[in-house]
Amino acid sequence: MDAADQLASMGTFQVLKLPLGFIRVLEWLFAIFAFATCGGYSGQLRVSVDCMEKASSNLSIGIDFAYPFRLHQVSFEAPACEGIRRERVFLSGDYSSSAEFFVTIAVFAFLYSLMATIVYIFFQNKYRENNRGPLIDFIVTVVFSFMWLVSSSAWAKALSEVKMATDPDEVQLLIPACKVQTNKCGSVHGPRWSGLNTSVVFGFLNFVLWAGNIWFVFKETGWHKGTTKLAGGASEKQAGTFNQQPYNQGSFDQSGSYNTQGNMSQPSEYSQVGGPTSYSNQM
């Protein structure tokens, strides 16, 4: 317990209340959900083959497939409707590249979010000591935002093709016995897609989180601080220009003379005691 208290006292957990740290924690969690729902998926569909010879029929043929969805390697045995002979049938399609790319981005995003959160908490001073830390953080955030968009879009397209390739009605077309009109083929049930649909949703949610966090990371860089200083200096200069008095309309000095614009002064005809100072034409 003492070691945990000492560790907590060393870290600045207040950063988790700020958008920069809070969004990093959400990115970490959403990355887990993304690669867990995709990488841990396994599905099954079942079809039936009712041969004219009932002894050869199989009314429940189970076909299992899973991540990374190399369907061309998935096979099952179907009755040939010729005695007891069985035929091995393979599914079609290989969608491993899109699925593995999506999971890879999710795993690396999980690792980076975890590392960034630790740096924010325990190494905040080192992070802000110079511009290198925020700059690297900004570049990585931009790259991951783009990669989340690309990987999620590619996986969404691949998922639609996986659904089509594992549709029981499409699988029946691969079975030779189903092409004979005297035999009847049907679907028992199809795969459940809720897990994979959730993975696509989490993929695009991760893109939104990473893209939204670009602004908060950019505020930590020297680029934002430099533009802020320039904008502040321009505002102060403009405010100082307006604060300068452009001219003086007029003022009286202590000797009774009147100063107007241009610092032109004219002597008063009367002194402070009220008598004339001079009389040019004496009578």
C-alpha atoms as a PDB file:
ATOM      1  CA  MET A   1       0.000   0.000   0.000  1.00  0.00           C
ATOM      2  CA  ASP A   2       2.881   2.358   0.767  1.00  0.00           C
ATOM      3  CA  ALA A   3       4.433   1.716  -2.644  1.00  0.00           C
ATOM      4  CA  ALA A   4       1.124   2.482  -4.357  1.00  0.00           C
ATOM      5  CA  ASP A   5       0.762   5.732  -2.396  1.00  0.00           C
ATOM      6  CA  GLN A   6       4.310   6.732  -3.276  1.00  0.00           C
ATOM      7  CA  LEU A   7       3.685   6.007  -6.945  1.00  0.00           C
ATOM      8  CA  ALA A   8       0.471   8.013  -6.900  1.00  0.00           C
ATOM      9  CA  SER A   9       2.205  10.957  -5.239  1.00  0.00           C
ATOM     10  CA  MET A  10       4.853  10.995  -7.955  1.00  0.00           C
ATOM     11  CA  GLY A  11       2.302  11.245 -10.774  1.00  0.00           C
ATOM     12  CA  THR A  12       0.126  14.162 -11.780  1.00  0.00           C
ATOM     13  CA  PHE A  13      -3.207  12.426 -12.230  1.00  0.00           C
ATOM     14  CA  GLN A  14      -4.898  15.786 -12.720  1.00  0.00           C
ATOM     15  CA  VAL A  15      -3.944  15.537 -16.390  1.00  0.00           C
ATOM     16  CA  LEU A  16      -6.602  12.827 -16.786  1.00  0.00           C
ATOM     17  CA  LYS A  17      -9.239  15.481 -16.111  1.00  0.00           C
ATOM     18  CA  LEU A  18      -8.001  17.493 -19.085  1.00  0.00           C
ATOM     19  CA  PRO A  19      -9.135  16.658 -22.641  1.00  0.00           C
ATOM     20  CA  LEU A  20      -5.611  15.602 -23.633  1.00  0.00           C
ATOM     21  CA  GLY A  21      -5.345  12.881 -20.978  1.00  0.00           C
ATOM     22  CA  PHE A  22      -9.015  11.923 -20.851  1.00  0.00           C
ATOM     23  CA  ILE A  23      -9.214  11.272 -24.609  1.00  0.00           C
ATOM     24  CA  ARG A  24      -6.023   9.188 -24.447  1.00  0.00           C
ATOM     25  CA  VAL A  25      -7.688   6.921 -21.888  1.00  0.00           C
ATOM     26  CA  LEU A  26     -10.748   6.590 -24.150  1.00  0.00           C
ATOM     27  CA  GLU A  27      -8.477   5.749 -27.095  1.00  0.00           C
ATOM     28  CA  TRP A  28      -6.839   3.059 -25.011  1.00  0.00           C
ATOM     29  CA  LEU A  29     -10.188   1.488 -24.083  1.00  0.00           C
ATOM     30  CA  PHE A  30     -11.723   1.735 -27.549  1.00  0.00           C
ATOM     31  CA  ALA A  31      -8.626   0.160 -29.124  1.00  0.00           C
ATOM     32  CA  ILE A  32      -9.083  -2.853 -26.827  1.00  0.00           C
ATOM     33  CA  PHE A  33     -12.701  -3.219 -27.904  1.00  0.00           C
ATOM     34  CA  ALA A  34     -11.754  -2.885 -31.581  1.00  0.00           C
ATOM     35  CA  PHE A  35      -9.147  -5.654 -31.759  1.00  0.00           C
ATOM     36  CA  ALA A  36     -10.971  -7.886 -29.259  1.00  0.00           C
ATOM     37  CA  THR A  37     -14.246  -7.912 -31.197  1.00  0.00           C
ATOM     38  CA  CYS A  38     -12.483  -8.550 -34.508  1.00  0.00           C
ATOM     39  CA  GLY A  39      -9.538 -10.745 -33.533  1.00  0.00           C
ATOM     40  CA  GLY A  40     -11.558 -12.928 -31.194  1.00  0.00           C
ATOM     41  CA  TYR A  41     -14.403 -13.679 -33.575  1.00  0.00           C
ATOM     42  CA  SER A  42     -15.475 -17.163 -34.598  1.00  0.00           C
ATOM     43  CA  GLY A  43     -18.658 -17.976 -36.463  1.00  0.00           C
ATOM     44  CA  GLN A  44     -20.608 -20.930 -37.761  1.00  0.00           C
ATOM     45  CA  LEU A  45     -23.224 -21.585 -40.374  1.00  0.00           C
ATOM     46  CA  ARG A  46     -25.197 -24.697 -41.117  1.00  0.00           C
ATOM     47  CA  VAL A  47     -26.679 -26.006 -44.354  1.00  0.00           C
ATOM     48  CA  SER A  48     -28.655 -29.115 -45.202  1.00  0.00           C
ATOM     49  CA  VAL A  49     -28.414 -31.487 -48.152  1.00  0.00           C
ATOM     50  CA  ASP A  50     -31.451 -33.692 -48.675  1.00  0.00           C
ATOM     51  CA  CYS A  51     -30.551 -36.298 -51.242  1.00  0.00           C
ATOM     52  CA  MET A  52     -33.007 -38.334 -53.252  1.00  0.00           C
ATOM     53  CA  GLU A  53     -31.497 -41.302 -51.462  1.00  0.00           C
ATOM     54  CA  LYS A  54     -32.355 -40.481 -47.882  1.00  0.00           C
ATOM     55  CA  ALA A  55     -29.512 -42.583 -46.530  1.00  0.00           C
ATOM     56  CA  SER A  56     -27.011 -40.212 -48.106  1.00  0.00           C
ATOM     57  CA  SER A  57     -28.623 -37.041 -46.792  1.00  0.00           C
ATOM     58  CA  ASN A  58     -27.091 -34.716 -44.188  1.00  0.00           C
ATOM     59  CA  LEU A  59     -29.520 -32.209 -42.809  1.00  0.00           C
ATOM     60  CA  SER A  60     -27.058 -30.350 -40.609  1.00  0.00           C
ATOM     61  CA  ILE A  61     -23.630 -29.594 -42.038  1.00  0.00           C
ATOM     62  CA  GLY A  62     -21.657 -27.302 -39.730  1.00  0.00           C
ATOM     63  CA  ILE A  63     -19.122 -24.900 -41.248  1.00  0.00           C
ATOM     64  CA  ASP A  64     -16.843 -23.056 -38.817  1.00  0.00           C
ATOM     65  CA  PHE A  65     -14.693 -20.059 -39.680  1.00  0.00           C
ATOM     66  CA  ALA A  66     -12.841 -17.437 -37.652  1.00  0.00           C
ATOM     67  CA  TYR A  67     -10.318 -14.597 -37.741  1.00  0.00           C
ATOM     68  CA  PRO A  68      -8.309 -13.890 -39.909  1.00  0.00           C
ATOM     69  CA  PHE A  69     -10.987 -15.041 -42.406  1.00  0.00           C
ATOM     70  CA  ARG A  70      -8.919 -17.063 -44.846  1.00  0.00           C
ATOM     71  CA  LEU A  71     -12.091 -18.634 -46.135  1.00  0.00           C
ATOM     72  CA  HIS A  72     -10.394 -20.424 -48.998  1.00  0.00           C
ATOM     73  CA  GLN A  73      -8.760 -22.627 -46.343  1.00  0.00           C
ATOM     74  CA  VAL A  74     -12.084 -23.450 -44.637  1.00  0.00           C
ATOM     75  CA  SER A  75     -13.496 -26.781 -45.774  1.00  0.00           C
ATOM     76  CA  PHE A  76     -16.345 -29.106 -44.911  1.00  0.00           C
ATOM     77  CA  GLU A  77     -17.631 -32.459 -46.032  1.00  0.00           C
ATOM     78  CA  ALA A  78     -20.882 -32.632 -47.955  1.00  0.00           C
ATOM     79  CA  PRO A  79     -22.691 -35.709 -49.247  1.00  0.00           C
ATOM     80  CA  ALA A  80     -22.317 -36.446 -52.936  1.00  0.00           C
ATOM     81  CA  CYS A  81     -25.732 -38.153 -52.961  1.00  0.00           C
ATOM     82  CA  GLU A  82     -24.082 -41.152 -54.526  1.00  0.00           C
ATOM     83  CA  GLY A  83     -24.133 -43.835 -51.916  1.00  0.00           C
ATOM     84  CA  ILE A  84     -22.031 -42.991 -48.876  1.00  0.00           C
ATOM     85  CA  ARG A  85     -19.451 -40.945 -50.756  1.00  0.00           C
ATOM     86  CA  ARG A  86     -18.523 -37.550 -49.315  1.00  0.00           C
ATOM     87  CA  GLU A  87     -16.971 -34.565 -51.028  1.00  0.00           C
ATOM     88  CA  ARG A  88     -14.739 -31.948 -49.460  1.00  0.00           C
ATOM     89  CA  VAL A  89     -15.864 -28.428 -50.314  1.00  0.00           C
ATOM     90  CA  PHE A  90     -13.906 -25.211 -49.703  1.00  0.00           C
ATOM     91  CA  LEU A  91     -15.291 -21.754 -49.172  1.00  0.00           C
ATOM     92  CA  SER A  92     -14.096 -18.945 -51.411  1.00  0.00           C
ATOM     93  CA  GLY A  93     -12.241 -15.731 -50.602  1.00  0.00           C
ATOM     94  CA  ASP A  94      -9.299 -14.495 -48.543  1.00  0.00           C
ATOM     95  CA  TYR A  95      -9.956 -11.410 -46.411  1.00  0.00           C
ATOM     96  CA  SER A  96      -7.083 -11.798 -43.994  1.00  0.00           C
ATOM     97  CA  SER A  97      -5.192  -8.709 -45.186  1.00  0.00           C
ATOM     98  CA  SER A  98      -7.921  -6.234 -44.243  1.00  0.00           C
ATOM     99  CA  ALA A  99      -8.725  -7.992 -40.970  1.00  0.00           C
ATOM    100  CA  GLU A 100      -5.089  -8.279 -39.884  1.00  0.00           C
ATOM    101  CA  PHE A 101      -4.390  -4.683 -40.883  1.00  0.00           C
ATOM    102  CA  PHE A 102      -7.311  -3.497 -38.751  1.00  0.00           C
ATOM    103  CA  VAL A 103      -6.226  -5.545 -35.737  1.00  0.00           C
ATOM    104  CA  THR A 104      -2.595  -4.441 -36.124  1.00  0.00           C
ATOM    105  CA  ILE A 105      -3.556  -0.769 -36.078  1.00  0.00           C
ATOM    106  CA  ALA A 106      -5.748  -1.397 -33.033  1.00  0.00           C
ATOM    107  CA  VAL A 107      -2.932  -3.135 -31.134  1.00  0.00           C
ATOM    108  CA  PHE A 108      -0.368  -0.428 -31.895  1.00  0.00           C
ATOM    109  CA  ALA A 109      -2.892   2.281 -31.012  1.00  0.00           C
ATOM    110  CA  PHE A 110      -3.526   0.509 -27.713  1.00  0.00           C
ATOM    111  CA  LEU A 111       0.193   0.372 -26.928  1.00  0.00           C
ATOM    112  CA  TYR A 112       0.836   3.990 -27.870  1.00  0.00           C
ATOM    113  CA  SER A 113      -2.176   5.286 -25.921  1.00  0.00           C
ATOM    114  CA  LEU A 114      -0.986   3.390 -22.863  1.00  0.00           C
ATOM    115  CA  MET A 115       2.545   4.730 -23.213  1.00  0.00           C
ATOM    116  CA  ALA A 116       1.335   8.299 -23.797  1.00  0.00           C
ATOM    117  CA  THR A 117      -0.925   8.149 -20.737  1.00  0.00           C
ATOM    118  CA  ILE A 118       2.002   7.013 -18.567  1.00  0.00           C
ATOM    119  CA  VAL A 119       4.138   9.865 -19.906  1.00  0.00           C
ATOM    120  CA  TYR A 120       1.392  12.400 -19.224  1.00  0.00           C
ATOM    121  CA  ILE A 121       1.033  11.218 -15.634  1.00  0.00           C
ATOM    122  CA  PHE A 122       4.565  10.470 -14.486  1.00  0.00           C
ATOM    123  CA  PHE A 123       6.801  12.393 -16.895  1.00  0.00           C
ATOM    124  CA  GLN A 124       4.846  15.592 -17.502  1.00  0.00           C
ATOM    125  CA  ASN A 125       7.869  17.822 -16.842  1.00  0.00           C
ATOM    126  CA  LYS A 126      10.043  15.883 -19.270  1.00  0.00           C
ATOM    127  CA  TYR A 127       7.235  15.937 -21.823  1.00  0.00           C
ATOM    128  CA  ARG A 128       6.974  19.734 -21.720  1.00  0.00           C
ATOM    129  CA  GLU A 129      10.674  20.407 -21.211  1.00  0.00           C
ATOM    130  CA  ASN A 130      11.185  21.055 -24.908  1.00  0.00           C
ATOM    131  CA  ASN A 131       9.134  20.907 -28.074  1.00  0.00           C
ATOM    132  CA  ARG A 132      10.296  17.419 -29.096  1.00  0.00           C
ATOM    133  CA  GLY A 133       7.821  15.460 -26.968  1.00  0.00           C
ATOM    134  CA  PRO A 134       4.662  17.356 -27.997  1.00  0.00           C
ATOM    135  CA  LEU A 135       5.825  17.435 -31.624  1.00  0.00           C
ATOM    136  CA  ILE A 136       6.302  13.655 -31.771  1.00  0.00           C
ATOM    137  CA  ASP A 137       2.969  13.189 -30.017  1.00  0.00           C
ATOM    138  CA  PHE A 138       1.276  15.432 -32.569  1.00  0.00           C
ATOM    139  CA  ILE A 139       2.756  13.636 -35.591  1.00  0.00           C
ATOM    140  CA  VAL A 140       1.892  10.185 -34.219  1.00  0.00           C
ATOM    141  CA  THR A 141      -1.670  11.309 -33.464  1.00  0.00           C
ATOM    142  CA  VAL A 142      -2.142  12.552 -37.023  1.00  0.00           C
ATOM    143  CA  VAL A 143      -0.735   9.304 -38.457  1.00  0.00           C
ATOM    144  CA  PHE A 144      -2.953   7.117 -36.283  1.00  0.00           C
ATOM    145  CA  SER A 145      -6.013   9.187 -37.205  1.00  0.00           C
ATOM    146  CA  PHE A 146      -5.358   8.534 -40.878  1.00  0.00           C
ATOM    147  CA  MET A 147      -4.588   4.847 -40.303  1.00  0.00           C
ATOM    148  CA  TRP A 148      -7.780   4.336 -38.303  1.00  0.00           C
ATOM    149  CA  LEU A 149      -9.803   5.798 -41.166  1.00  0.00           C
ATOM    150  CA  VAL A 150      -8.086   3.633 -43.774  1.00  0.00           C
ATOM    151  CA  SER A 151      -8.149   0.406 -41.764  1.00  0.00           C
ATOM    152  CA  SER A 152     -11.765   0.837 -40.655  1.00  0.00           C
ATOM    153  CA  SER A 153     -12.926   1.545 -44.201  1.00  0.00           C
ATOM    154  CA  ALA A 154     -10.996  -1.452 -45.570  1.00  0.00           C
ATOM    155  CA  TRP A 155     -12.316  -3.734 -42.842  1.00  0.00           C
ATOM    156  CA  ALA A 156     -15.905  -2.544 -43.349  1.00  0.00           C
ATOM    157  CA  LYS A 157     -15.657  -3.413 -47.053  1.00  0.00           C
ATOM    158  CA  ALA A 158     -14.025  -6.775 -46.315  1.00  0.00           C
ATOM    159  CA  LEU A 159     -16.704  -7.592 -43.738  1.00  0.00           C
ATOM    160  CA  SER A 160     -19.454  -7.089 -46.301  1.00  0.00           C
ATOM    161  CA  GLU A 161     -17.650  -9.532 -48.595  1.00  0.00           C
ATOM    162  CA  VAL A 162     -17.206 -12.032 -45.745  1.00  0.00           C
ATOM    163  CA  LYS A 163     -20.933 -11.881 -45.081  1.00  0.00           C
ATOM    164  CA  MET A 164     -21.637 -12.581 -48.712  1.00  0.00           C
ATOM    165  CA  ALA A 165     -19.133 -15.448 -48.925  1.00  0.00           C
ATOM    166  CA  THR A 166     -20.569 -17.136 -45.817  1.00  0.00           C
ATOM    167  CA  ASP A 167     -24.204 -16.651 -46.710  1.00  0.00           C
ATOM    168  CA  PRO A 168     -25.804 -20.124 -46.552  1.00  0.00           C
ATOM    169  CA  ASP A 169     -27.519 -19.540 -49.894  1.00  0.00           C
ATOM    170  CA  GLU A 170     -24.155 -18.794 -51.499  1.00  0.00           C
ATOM    171  CA  VAL A 171     -22.461 -21.756 -49.810  1.00  0.00           C
ATOM    172  CA  GLN A 172     -25.075 -24.125 -51.244  1.00  0.00           C
ATOM    173  CA  LEU A 173     -23.940 -23.167 -54.734  1.00  0.00           C
ATOM    174  CA  LEU A 174     -20.494 -24.593 -53.918  1.00  0.00           C
ATOM    175  CA  ILE A 175     -21.871 -28.057 -53.146  1.00  0.00           C
ATOM    176  CA  PRO A 176     -22.016 -30.245 -56.288  1.00  0.00           C
ATOM    177  CA  ALA A 177     -24.972 -32.260 -55.040  1.00  0.00           C
ATOM    178  CA  CYS A 178     -27.053 -29.096 -54.713  1.00  0.00           C
ATOM    179  CA  LYS A 179     -26.743 -28.491 -58.437  1.00  0.00           C
ATOM    180  CA  VAL A 180     -28.827 -31.602 -59.121  1.00  0.00           C
ATOM    181  CA  GLN A 181     -32.501 -30.757 -59.227  1.00  0.00           C
ATOM    182  CA  THR A 182     -33.562 -33.994 -57.583  1.00  0.00           C
ATOM    183  CA  ASN A 183     -31.653 -33.035 -54.438  1.00  0.00           C
ATOM    184  CA  LYS A 184     -32.879 -30.349 -52.070  1.00  0.00           C
ATOM    185  CA  CYS A 185     -30.519 -28.030 -50.206  1.00  0.00           C
ATOM    186  CA  GLY A 186     -31.365 -25.427 -47.619  1.00  0.00           C
ATOM    187  CA  SER A 187     -29.923 -23.255 -44.868  1.00  0.00           C
ATOM    188  CA  VAL A 188     -30.316 -24.151 -41.210  1.00  0.00           C
ATOM    189  CA  HIS A 189     -28.899 -20.923 -39.774  1.00  0.00           C
ATOM    190  CA  GLY A 190     -26.356 -18.271 -40.683  1.00  0.00           C
ATOM    191  CA  PRO A 191     -23.501 -16.713 -38.704  1.00  0.00           C
ATOM    192  CA  ARG A 192     -24.031 -14.027 -36.098  1.00  0.00           C
ATOM    193  CA  TRP A 193     -22.465 -10.746 -37.097  1.00  0.00           C
ATOM    194  CA  SER A 194     -23.044  -8.588 -34.010  1.00  0.00           C
ATOM    195  CA  GLY A 195     -19.421  -8.884 -32.858  1.00  0.00           C
ATOM    196  CA  LEU A 196     -17.896  -7.955 -36.216  1.00  0.00           C
ATOM    197  CA  ASN A 197     -20.378  -5.137 -36.737  1.00  0.00           C
ATOM    198  CA  THR A 198     -19.325  -3.777 -33.355  1.00  0.00           C
ATOM    199  CA  SER A 199     -15.676  -3.913 -34.389  1.00  0.00           C
ATOM    200  CA  VAL A 200     -16.384  -1.683 -37.384  1.00  0.00           C
ATOM    201  CA  VAL A 201     -18.244   0.790 -35.153  1.00  0.00           C
ATOM    202  CA  PHE A 202     -15.342   0.896 -32.717  1.00  0.00           C
ATOM    203  CA  GLY A 203     -12.961   1.406 -35.620  1.00  0.00           C
ATOM    204  CA  PHE A 204     -14.689   4.577 -36.773  1.00  0.00           C
ATOM    205  CA  LEU A 205     -15.147   5.740 -33.178  1.00  0.00           C
ATOM    206  CA  ASN A 206     -11.392   5.431 -32.748  1.00  0.00           C
ATOM    207  CA  PHE A 207     -10.910   7.566 -35.839  1.00  0.00           C
ATOM    208  CA  VAL A 208     -13.179  10.253 -34.357  1.00  0.00           C
ATOM    209  CA  LEU A 209     -11.298  10.163 -31.041  1.00  0.00           C
ATOM    210  CA  TRP A 210      -7.842  10.382 -32.600  1.00  0.00           C
ATOM    211  CA  ALA A 211      -8.878  13.078 -35.081  1.00  0.00           C
ATOM    212  CA  GLY A 212     -10.503  15.113 -32.318  1.00  0.00           C
ATOM    213  CA  ASN A 213      -7.417  14.801 -30.129  1.00  0.00           C
ATOM    214  CA  ILE A 214      -5.213  16.376 -32.816  1.00  0.00           C
ATOM    215  CA  TRP A 215      -6.218  19.862 -31.693  1.00  0.00           C
ATOM    216  CA  PHE A 216      -5.456  19.252 -28.020  1.00  0.00           C
ATOM    217  CA  VAL A 217      -2.050  17.752 -28.840  1.00  0.00           C
ATOM    218  CA  PHE A 218      -1.317  20.621 -31.235  1.00  0.00           C
ATOM    219  CA  LYS A 219      -1.884  23.108 -28.403  1.00  0.00           C
ATOM    220  CA  GLU A 220       1.084  21.554 -26.568  1.00  0.00           C
ATOM    221  CA  THR A 221       3.486  22.105 -29.466  1.00  0.00           C
ATOM    222  CA  GLY A 222       5.690  25.117 -30.043  1.00  0.00           C
ATOM    223  CA  TRP A 223       3.824  25.858 -33.274  1.00  0.00           C
ATOM    224  CA  HIS A 224       0.652  26.766 -31.397  1.00  0.00           C
ATOM    225  CA  LYS A 225       2.538  28.641 -28.690  1.00  0.00           C
ATOM    226  CA  GLY A 226       4.437  30.621 -31.332  1.00  0.00           C
ATOM    227  CA  THR A 227       1.280  31.682 -33.131  1.00  0.00           C
ATOM    228  CA  THR A 228      -0.298  32.605 -29.799  1.00  0.00           C
ATOM    229  CA  LYS A 229       2.636  34.866 -28.933  1.00  0.00           C
ATOM    230  CA  LEU A 230       2.519  36.522 -32.350  1.00  0.00           C
ATOM    231  CA  ALA A 231      -1.214  37.111 -32.029  1.00  0.00           C
ATOM    232  CA  GLY A 232      -0.767  38.487 -28.513  1.00  0.00           C
ATOM    233  CA  GLY A 233       2.030  40.850 -29.591  1.00  0.00           C
ATOM    234  CA  ALA A 234      -0.044  42.173 -32.477  1.00  0.00           C
ATOM    235  CA  SER A 235      -2.993  42.807 -30.158  1.00  0.00           C
ATOM    236  CA  GLU A 236      -0.835  44.672 -27.646  1.00  0.00           C
ATOM    237  CA  LYS A 237       0.687  46.790 -30.399  1.00  0.00           C
ATOM    238  CA  GLN A 238      -2.719  47.657 -31.787  1.00  0.00           C
ATOM    239  CA  ALA A 239      -4.024  48.487 -28.323  1.00  0.00           C
ATOM    240  CA  GLY A 240      -0.992  50.731 -27.667  1.00  0.00           C
ATOM    241  CA  THR A 241      -1.613  52.611 -30.901  1.00  0.00           C
ATOM    242  CA  PHE A 242      -5.171  53.424 -29.883  1.00  0.00           C
ATOM    243  CA  ASN A 243      -4.094  54.458 -26.398  1.00  0.00           C
ATOM    244  CA  GLN A 244      -1.774  57.216 -27.701  1.00  0.00           C
ATOM    245  CA  GLN A 245      -3.285  60.713 -27.577  1.00  0.00           C
ATOM    246  CA  PRO A 246      -3.151  62.077 -31.130  1.00  0.00           C
ATOM    247  CA  TYR A 247      -3.387  65.752 -30.280  1.00  0.00           C
ATOM    248  CA  ASN A 248      -4.175  68.238 -27.578  1.00  0.00           C
ATOM    249  CA  GLN A 249      -7.083  70.497 -28.262  1.00  0.00           C
ATOM    250  CA  GLY A 250      -5.934  73.145 -25.950  1.00  0.00           C
ATOM    251  CA  SER A 251      -4.454  73.865 -22.559  1.00  0.00           C
ATOM    252  CA  PHE A 252      -3.702  76.800 -20.363  1.00  0.00           C
ATOM    253  CA  ASP A 253      -0.274  77.096 -18.830  1.00  0.00           C
ATOM    254  CA  GLN A 254       0.440  78.763 -15.534  1.00  0.00           C
ATOM    255  CA  SER A 255       1.404  82.047 -17.122  1.00  0.00           C
ATOM    256  CA  GLY A 256      -2.021  82.438 -18.630  1.00  0.00           C
ATOM    257  CA  SER A 257      -1.047  81.687 -22.223  1.00  0.00           C
ATOM    258  CA  TYR A 258      -3.278  79.470 -24.387  1.00  0.00           C
ATOM    259  CA  ASN A 259      -1.717  76.475 -26.218  1.00  0.00           C
ATOM    260  CA  THR A 260      -3.512  75.150 -29.278  1.00  0.00           C
ATOM    261  CA  GLN A 261      -2.772  72.329 -31.747  1.00  0.00           C
ATOM    262  CA  GLY A 262       0.691  72.646 -33.216  1.00  0.00           C
ATOM    263  CA  ASN A 263       2.056  74.144 -29.929  1.00  0.00           C
ATOM    264  CA  MET A 264       1.271  77.685 -31.088  1.00  0.00           C
ATOM    265  CA  SER A 265       0.999  80.010 -28.122  1.00  0.00           C
ATOM    266  CA  GLN A 266      -0.343  83.529 -28.080  1.00  0.00           C
ATOM    267  CA  PRO A 267       0.174  85.970 -25.225  1.00  0.00           C
ATOM    268  CA  SER A 268      -2.869  87.015 -23.316  1.00  0.00           C
ATOM    269  CA  GLU A 269      -3.881  90.642 -23.365  1.00  0.00           C
ATOM    270  CA  TYR A 270      -4.571  90.531 -19.687  1.00  0.00           C
ATOM    271  CA  SER A 271      -2.354  89.415 -16.884  1.00  0.00           C
ATOM    272  CA  GLN A 272      -3.369  87.297 -13.923  1.00  0.00           C
ATOM    273  CA  VAL A 273      -4.241  90.429 -11.820  1.00  0.00           C
ATOM    274  CA  GLY A 274      -6.689  91.568 -14.457  1.00  0.00           C
ATOM    275  CA  GLY A 275      -4.786  94.704 -15.759  1.00  0.00           C
ATOM    276  CA  PRO A 276      -3.566  95.220 -19.314  1.00  0.00           C
ATOM    277  CA  THR A 277      -0.021  94.102 -19.891  1.00  0.00           C
ATOM    278  CA  SER A 278       0.625  96.665 -22.634  1.00  0.00           C
ATOM    279  CA  TYR A 279      -1.042  99.560 -24.303  1.00  0.00           C
ATOM    280  CA  SER A 280       0.368 100.050 -27.727  1.00  0.00           C
ATOM    281  CA  ASN A 281      -1.386 103.313 -28.575  1.00  0.00           C
ATOM    282  CA  GLN A 282      -1.225 105.734 -25.709  1.00  0.00           C
ATOM    283  CA  MET A 283      -3.460 108.636 -25.848  1.00  0.00           C
END
